[in-house]
Structure formats: C-alpha cells, structure tokens
C-alpha atoms as a PDB file:
ATOM      1  CA  MET A   1     109.890  94.428 122.999  1.00  0.00           C
ATOM      2  CA  ARG A   2     110.209  97.858 121.383  1.00  0.00           C
ATOM      3  CA  ARG A   3     106.967  97.395 119.408  1.00  0.00           C
ATOM      4  CA  SER A   4     105.115  96.358 122.539  1.00  0.00           C
ATOM      5  CA  LEU A   5     106.357  99.445 124.382  1.00  0.00           C
ATOM      6  CA  ILE A   6     105.453 101.727 121.468  1.00  0.00           C
ATOM      7  CA  ARG A   7     101.955 100.220 121.207  1.00  0.00           C
ATOM      8  CA  SER A   8     101.415 100.551 124.967  1.00  0.00           C
ATOM      9  CA  VAL A   9     102.566 104.159 125.086  1.00  0.00           C
ATOM     10  CA  GLY A  10     100.602 104.936 121.915  1.00  0.00           C
ATOM     11  CA  THR A  11      97.405 103.509 123.365  1.00  0.00           C
ATOM     12  CA  VAL A  12      97.785 105.488 126.584  1.00  0.00           C
ATOM     13  CA  VAL A  13      98.584 108.711 124.696  1.00  0.00           C
ATOM     14  CA  VAL A  14      95.622 108.336 122.318  1.00  0.00           C
ATOM     15  CA  LEU A  15      93.148 107.559 125.114  1.00  0.00           C
ATOM     16  CA  PHE A  16      94.273 110.398 127.355  1.00  0.00           C
ATOM     17  CA  ALA A  17      94.524 112.837 124.407  1.00  0.00           C
ATOM     18  CA  ALA A  18      90.932 112.020 123.450  1.00  0.00           C
ATOM     19  CA  PHE A  19      89.894 112.567 127.051  1.00  0.00           C
ATOM     20  CA  ALA A  20      91.864 115.811 127.252  1.00  0.00           C
ATOM     21  CA  PHE A  21      90.757 117.411 123.999  1.00  0.00           C
ATOM     22  CA  LEU A  22      87.251 116.199 123.144  1.00  0.00           C
ATOM     23  CA  PRO A  23      84.438 118.481 124.304  1.00  0.00           C
ATOM     24  CA  LEU A  24      82.994 116.594 127.270  1.00  0.00           C
ATOM     25  CA  ARG A  25      80.961 119.273 129.037  1.00  0.00           C
ATOM     26  CA  GLY A  26      78.420 121.947 128.290  1.00  0.00           C
ATOM     27  CA  ASP A  27      76.234 121.125 125.315  1.00  0.00           C
ATOM     28  CA  HIS A  28      78.554 118.251 124.447  1.00  0.00           C
ATOM     29  CA  TRP A  29      78.467 116.431 127.812  1.00  0.00           C
ATOM     30  CA  TRP A  30      76.981 113.407 126.052  1.00  0.00           C
ATOM     31  CA  ILE A  31      80.279 112.855 124.189  1.00  0.00           C
ATOM     32  CA  GLY A  32      81.974 112.111 127.508  1.00  0.00           C
ATOM     33  CA  ALA A  33      79.158 109.818 128.548  1.00  0.00           C
ATOM     34  CA  ILE A  34      79.331 107.902 125.258  1.00  0.00           C
ATOM     35  CA  LEU A  35      83.146 107.812 125.160  1.00  0.00           C
ATOM     36  CA  GLY A  36      83.357 106.500 128.701  1.00  0.00           C
ATOM     37  CA  THR A  37      80.574 103.974 128.248  1.00  0.00           C
ATOM     38  CA  VAL A  38      82.079 102.623 125.012  1.00  0.00           C
ATOM     39  CA  LEU A  39      85.518 102.283 126.600  1.00  0.00           C
ATOM     40  CA  LEU A  40      84.100 100.489 129.630  1.00  0.00           C
ATOM     41  CA  ALA A  41      81.828  98.253 127.551  1.00  0.00           C
ATOM     42  CA  THR A  42      84.718  97.107 125.368  1.00  0.00           C
ATOM     43  CA  ILE A  43      87.070  96.185 128.216  1.00  0.00           C
ATOM     44  CA  VAL A  44      85.803  92.615 128.687  1.00  0.00           C
ATOM     45  CA  PRO A  45      85.612  91.690 124.975  1.00  0.00           C
ATOM     46  CA  LEU A  46      89.035  93.232 124.394  1.00  0.00           C
ATOM     47  CA  ALA A  47      90.446  91.406 127.416  1.00  0.00           C
ATOM     48  CA  ILE A  48      89.242  88.092 125.980  1.00  0.00           C
ATOM     49  CA  SER A  49      90.804  88.898 122.612  1.00  0.00           C
ATOM     50  CA  ARG A  50      94.085  89.954 124.208  1.00  0.00           C
ATOM     51  CA  LEU A  51      94.109  86.841 126.408  1.00  0.00           C
ATOM     52  CA  ARG A  52      94.011  84.690 123.286  1.00  0.00           C
ATOM     53  CA  ARG A  53      97.027  86.585 121.987  1.00  0.00           C
ATOM     54  CA  VAL A  54      98.908  85.999 125.243  1.00  0.00           C
ATOM     55  CA  LEU A  55      98.224  82.264 125.002  1.00  0.00           C
ATOM     56  CA  SER A  56      99.788  82.091 121.532  1.00  0.00           C
ATOM     57  CA  ALA A  57     102.505  84.748 121.833  1.00  0.00           C
ATOM     58  CA  ASP A  58     106.214  84.135 121.470  1.00  0.00           C
ATOM     59  CA  ARG A  59     106.759  86.646 124.270  1.00  0.00           C
ATOM     60  CA  PRO A  60     103.705  86.194 126.494  1.00  0.00           C
ATOM     61  CA  GLY A  61     105.000  88.393 129.314  1.00  0.00           C
ATOM     62  CA  PHE A  62     105.258  91.408 127.025  1.00  0.00           C
ATOM     63  CA  GLU A  63     101.890  90.622 125.477  1.00  0.00           C
ATOM     64  CA  ALA A  64     100.257  90.372 128.929  1.00  0.00           C
ATOM     65  CA  ALA A  65     101.895  93.599 130.123  1.00  0.00           C
ATOM     66  CA  GLU A  66     100.801  95.439 126.985  1.00  0.00           C
ATOM     67  CA  ALA A  67      97.250  94.165 127.385  1.00  0.00           C
ATOM     68  CA  LEU A  68      97.070  95.190 131.042  1.00  0.00           C
ATOM     69  CA  VAL A  69      98.432  98.676 130.293  1.00  0.00           C
ATOM     70  CA  GLN A  70      95.841  99.110 127.550  1.00  0.00           C
ATOM     71  CA  LEU A  71      93.000  97.826 129.717  1.00  0.00           C
ATOM     72  CA  VAL A  72      93.964  99.972 132.723  1.00  0.00           C
ATOM     73  CA  ALA A  73      94.182 103.054 130.478  1.00  0.00           C
ATOM     74  CA  MET A  74      90.717 102.251 129.119  1.00  0.00           C
ATOM     75  CA  LEU A  75      89.389 101.741 132.648  1.00  0.00           C
ATOM     76  CA  ILE A  76      90.783 105.056 133.892  1.00  0.00           C
ATOM     77  CA  THR A  77      89.785 107.168 130.887  1.00  0.00           C
ATOM     78  CA  GLY A  78      86.410 105.455 130.644  1.00  0.00           C
ATOM     79  CA  PHE A  79      85.378 106.154 134.216  1.00  0.00           C
ATOM     80  CA  ALA A  80      86.992 109.614 134.174  1.00  0.00           C
ATOM     81  CA  ALA A  81      84.978 110.546 131.060  1.00  0.00           C
ATOM     82  CA  VAL A  82      81.719 109.265 132.541  1.00  0.00           C
ATOM     83  CA  LEU A  83      82.268 111.034 135.863  1.00  0.00           C
ATOM     84  CA  TYR A  84      83.402 114.287 134.237  1.00  0.00           C
ATOM     85  CA  ALA A  85      80.395 114.337 131.907  1.00  0.00           C
ATOM     86  CA  MET A  86      78.032 113.315 134.685  1.00  0.00           C
ATOM     87  CA  ASN A  87      79.223 116.180 136.892  1.00  0.00           C
ATOM     88  CA  ARG A  88      78.621 118.802 134.189  1.00  0.00           C
ATOM     89  CA  ASN A  89      76.553 120.946 136.573  1.00  0.00           C
ATOM     90  CA  GLY A  90      78.814 120.379 139.577  1.00  0.00           C
ATOM     91  CA  THR A  91      76.046 118.716 141.568  1.00  0.00           C
ATOM     92  CA  GLN A  92      77.040 115.044 141.397  1.00  0.00           C
ATOM     93  CA  LEU A  93      80.605 114.965 142.760  1.00  0.00           C
ATOM     94  CA  ALA A  94      81.903 117.600 145.166  1.00  0.00           C
ATOM     95  CA  GLY A  95      85.404 118.745 144.223  1.00  0.00           C
ATOM     96  CA  LEU A  96      85.383 117.280 140.715  1.00  0.00           C
ATOM     97  CA  ASP A  97      85.719 120.399 138.579  1.00  0.00           C
ATOM     98  CA  THR A  98      88.376 119.624 135.961  1.00  0.00           C
ATOM     99  CA  ARG A  99      89.474 116.740 133.774  1.00  0.00           C
ATOM    100  CA  VAL A 100      92.490 116.293 136.030  1.00  0.00           C
ATOM    101  CA  ASP A 101      90.093 115.988 138.979  1.00  0.00           C
ATOM    102  CA  ALA A 102      88.210 113.255 137.093  1.00  0.00           C
ATOM    103  CA  VAL A 103      91.383 111.259 136.398  1.00  0.00           C
ATOM    104  CA  TYR A 104      92.626 111.833 139.949  1.00  0.00           C
ATOM    105  CA  PHE A 105      89.355 110.643 141.472  1.00  0.00           C
ATOM    106  CA  THR A 106      89.233 107.632 139.161  1.00  0.00           C
ATOM    107  CA  VAL A 107      92.775 106.611 140.129  1.00  0.00           C
ATOM    108  CA  THR A 108      92.111 107.090 143.860  1.00  0.00           C
ATOM    109  CA  VAL A 109      89.047 104.861 143.585  1.00  0.00           C
ATOM    110  CA  LEU A 110      90.959 102.287 141.497  1.00  0.00           C
ATOM    111  CA  SER A 111      93.793 102.210 144.008  1.00  0.00           C
ATOM    112  CA  THR A 112      91.299 102.117 146.909  1.00  0.00           C
ATOM    113  CA  VAL A 113      93.066 105.088 148.526  1.00  0.00           C
ATOM    114  CA  GLY A 114      90.022 107.372 148.582  1.00  0.00           C
ATOM    115  CA  PHE A 115      91.318 110.577 150.175  1.00  0.00           C
ATOM    116  CA  GLY A 116      87.803 111.997 150.483  1.00  0.00           C
ATOM    117  CA  ASP A 117      88.598 115.357 148.898  1.00  0.00           C
ATOM    118  CA  ILE A 118      86.359 114.434 145.963  1.00  0.00           C
ATOM    119  CA  HIS A 119      83.214 112.511 146.806  1.00  0.00           C
ATOM    120  CA  ALA A 120      79.830 111.581 145.396  1.00  0.00           C
ATOM    121  CA  THR A 121      77.031 113.838 146.604  1.00  0.00           C
ATOM    122  CA  SER A 122      74.033 112.497 144.695  1.00  0.00           C
ATOM    123  CA  GLN A 123      72.441 109.070 144.620  1.00  0.00           C
ATOM    124  CA  THR A 124      73.215 108.723 140.912  1.00  0.00           C
ATOM    125  CA  ALA A 125      76.895 109.514 141.479  1.00  0.00           C
ATOM    126  CA  ARG A 126      77.050 107.068 144.389  1.00  0.00           C
ATOM    127  CA  ILE A 127      75.616 104.324 142.184  1.00  0.00           C
ATOM    128  CA  VAL A 128      78.134 105.058 139.421  1.00  0.00           C
ATOM    129  CA  VAL A 129      81.042 105.153 141.894  1.00  0.00           C
ATOM    130  CA  THR A 130      79.826 101.909 143.498  1.00  0.00           C
ATOM    131  CA  ILE A 131      79.777 100.279 140.048  1.00  0.00           C
ATOM    132  CA  GLN A 132      83.270 101.664 139.481  1.00  0.00           C
ATOM    133  CA  ILE A 133      84.531 100.209 142.764  1.00  0.00           C
ATOM    134  CA  LEU A 134      83.059  96.769 141.992  1.00  0.00           C
ATOM    135  CA  PHE A 135      84.401  96.830 138.432  1.00  0.00           C
ATOM    136  CA  ASP A 136      87.840  97.934 139.669  1.00  0.00           C
ATOM    137  CA  LEU A 137      87.948  95.134 142.249  1.00  0.00           C
ATOM    138  CA  ALA A 138      86.936  92.576 139.640  1.00  0.00           C
ATOM    139  CA  PHE A 139      89.487  93.981 137.201  1.00  0.00           C
ATOM    140  CA  LEU A 140      92.318  93.887 139.701  1.00  0.00           C
ATOM    141  CA  GLY A 141      91.341  90.531 141.138  1.00  0.00           C
ATOM    142  CA  VAL A 142      90.428  88.694 137.967  1.00  0.00           C
ATOM    143  CA  PHE A 143      92.050  90.237 134.892  1.00  0.00           C
ATOM    144  CA  VAL A 144      95.495  90.728 136.383  1.00  0.00           C
ATOM    145  CA  ARG A 145      95.547  87.186 137.741  1.00  0.00           C
ATOM    146  CA  ILE A 146      94.263  85.680 134.487  1.00  0.00           C
ATOM    147  CA  PHE A 147      96.765  87.562 132.313  1.00  0.00           C
ATOM    148  CA  LEU A 148      99.712  86.755 134.537  1.00  0.00           C
ATOM    149  CA  GLY A 149      98.612  83.115 134.795  1.00  0.00           C
ATOM    150  CA  ALA A 150      98.193  82.862 131.030  1.00  0.00           C
ATOM    151  CA  ALA A 151     101.632  84.359 130.430  1.00  0.00           C
ATOM    152  CA  LYS A 152     103.188  81.928 132.912  1.00  0.00           C
ATOM    153  CA  MET A 153     101.346  78.998 131.345  1.00  0.00           C
ATOM    154  CA  ARG A 154     102.567  79.998 127.885  1.00  0.00           C
ATOM    155  CA  VAL A 155     106.174  80.371 129.106  1.00  0.00           C
ATOM    156  CA  ASP A 156     105.994  76.958 130.786  1.00  0.00           C
ATOM    157  CA  GLU A 157     104.601  75.522 127.567  1.00  0.00           C
ATOM    158  CA  GLN A 158     107.444  77.057 125.573  1.00  0.00           C
ATOM    159  CA  LEU A 159     110.074  75.739 127.998  1.00  0.00           C
ATOM    160  CA  SER A 160     108.751  72.201 128.292  1.00  0.00           C
ATOM    161  CA  PRO A 161     110.314  69.676 125.966  1.00  0.00           C
ATOM    162  CA  GLY A 162     108.082  68.321 123.245  1.00  0.00           C
ATOM    163  CA  PRO A 163     107.058  64.669 123.108  1.00  0.00           C
ATOM    164  CA  ASP A 164     109.796  62.187 122.249  1.00  0.00           C
ATOM    165  CA  VAL A 165     109.693  61.139 118.649  1.00  0.00           C
ATOM    166  CA  ASP A 166     111.374  57.881 117.643  1.00  0.00           C
END
C-alpha cells in the first residue's frame, strides 16, 4: 500500500512540476503543445497496460486507484499544457493568463462545473475545449467503470474457492 501511495504521489508531483517549470509560452510555446499532446496521446495505451496489471494484481483495488490517479493527473496536466500553450497571445481563452488558470479551467471542465470566468473565445479554442469535454466524459464514464469493474472482478476471483481436486 505504501509503494502504491508513493508512486501515485510521485507521478502527480512529477507531472505538475514539469507543467509548472518547463517553458511553455513565448518562443517555447511549442513545448507545452508537445507535452500536452504526448500526455493525452499516451492515456489510452497506458490505461490498457495498467488494466492488465489490475487484472493480475494481488491488491487490485490499490492498483486501480493508482492507475486512475496517474491517468487523471495526465489528463489534467495534458489539457492544461495544451490550453496554456495555445493561449500564448491571450486571444484563445479569455481569463486564462497563468498556469494556475490553465489547471483551474481544465479541472472545471473535467468536473463539468464550468463557472464561465474562463471561456473559449476563438473557434480553435472551442474545438479544443469540445474535444476536452468529450474526452473527459469518456474518461469518467468508461475508464473509471472499467478499472473499478476489473478490480472487483479480480477480488472476486481471489476470494472464490478453486476447483475441487480429488
């Protein structure tokens, strides 16, 4: 359990530290675009890999929780990096001026709260935010259910008695 917690916290710290300290604007805006795109593009393959681990884990609940924490951190930092880099001139998203704004907006979209204080002003930004909304809905609806179902299935498998051997 301790290792799982350390790995989860470590993953979150590394992702958010990279987001916080890498140059993502000005002449280096493309770093944010690449970082975010790579994180988002690797979510599905990583989810499949982590699902396999859940299905064979001794402690599938911890494995599923660790995977979901890692995937949510990737989702948040990925979209925050893309949006922050995309808004480098301040013309794509009104109110998104800092890295904190990018994370805040990403979390409000993920949680479907949408306060409206930060909003897409260009067609490009609206397309990206629409993709984010659809991806977030799929993530919440599919990945969470699959990981929790896989963990439950593995626990049931572990608790069921093996076949009788004479």
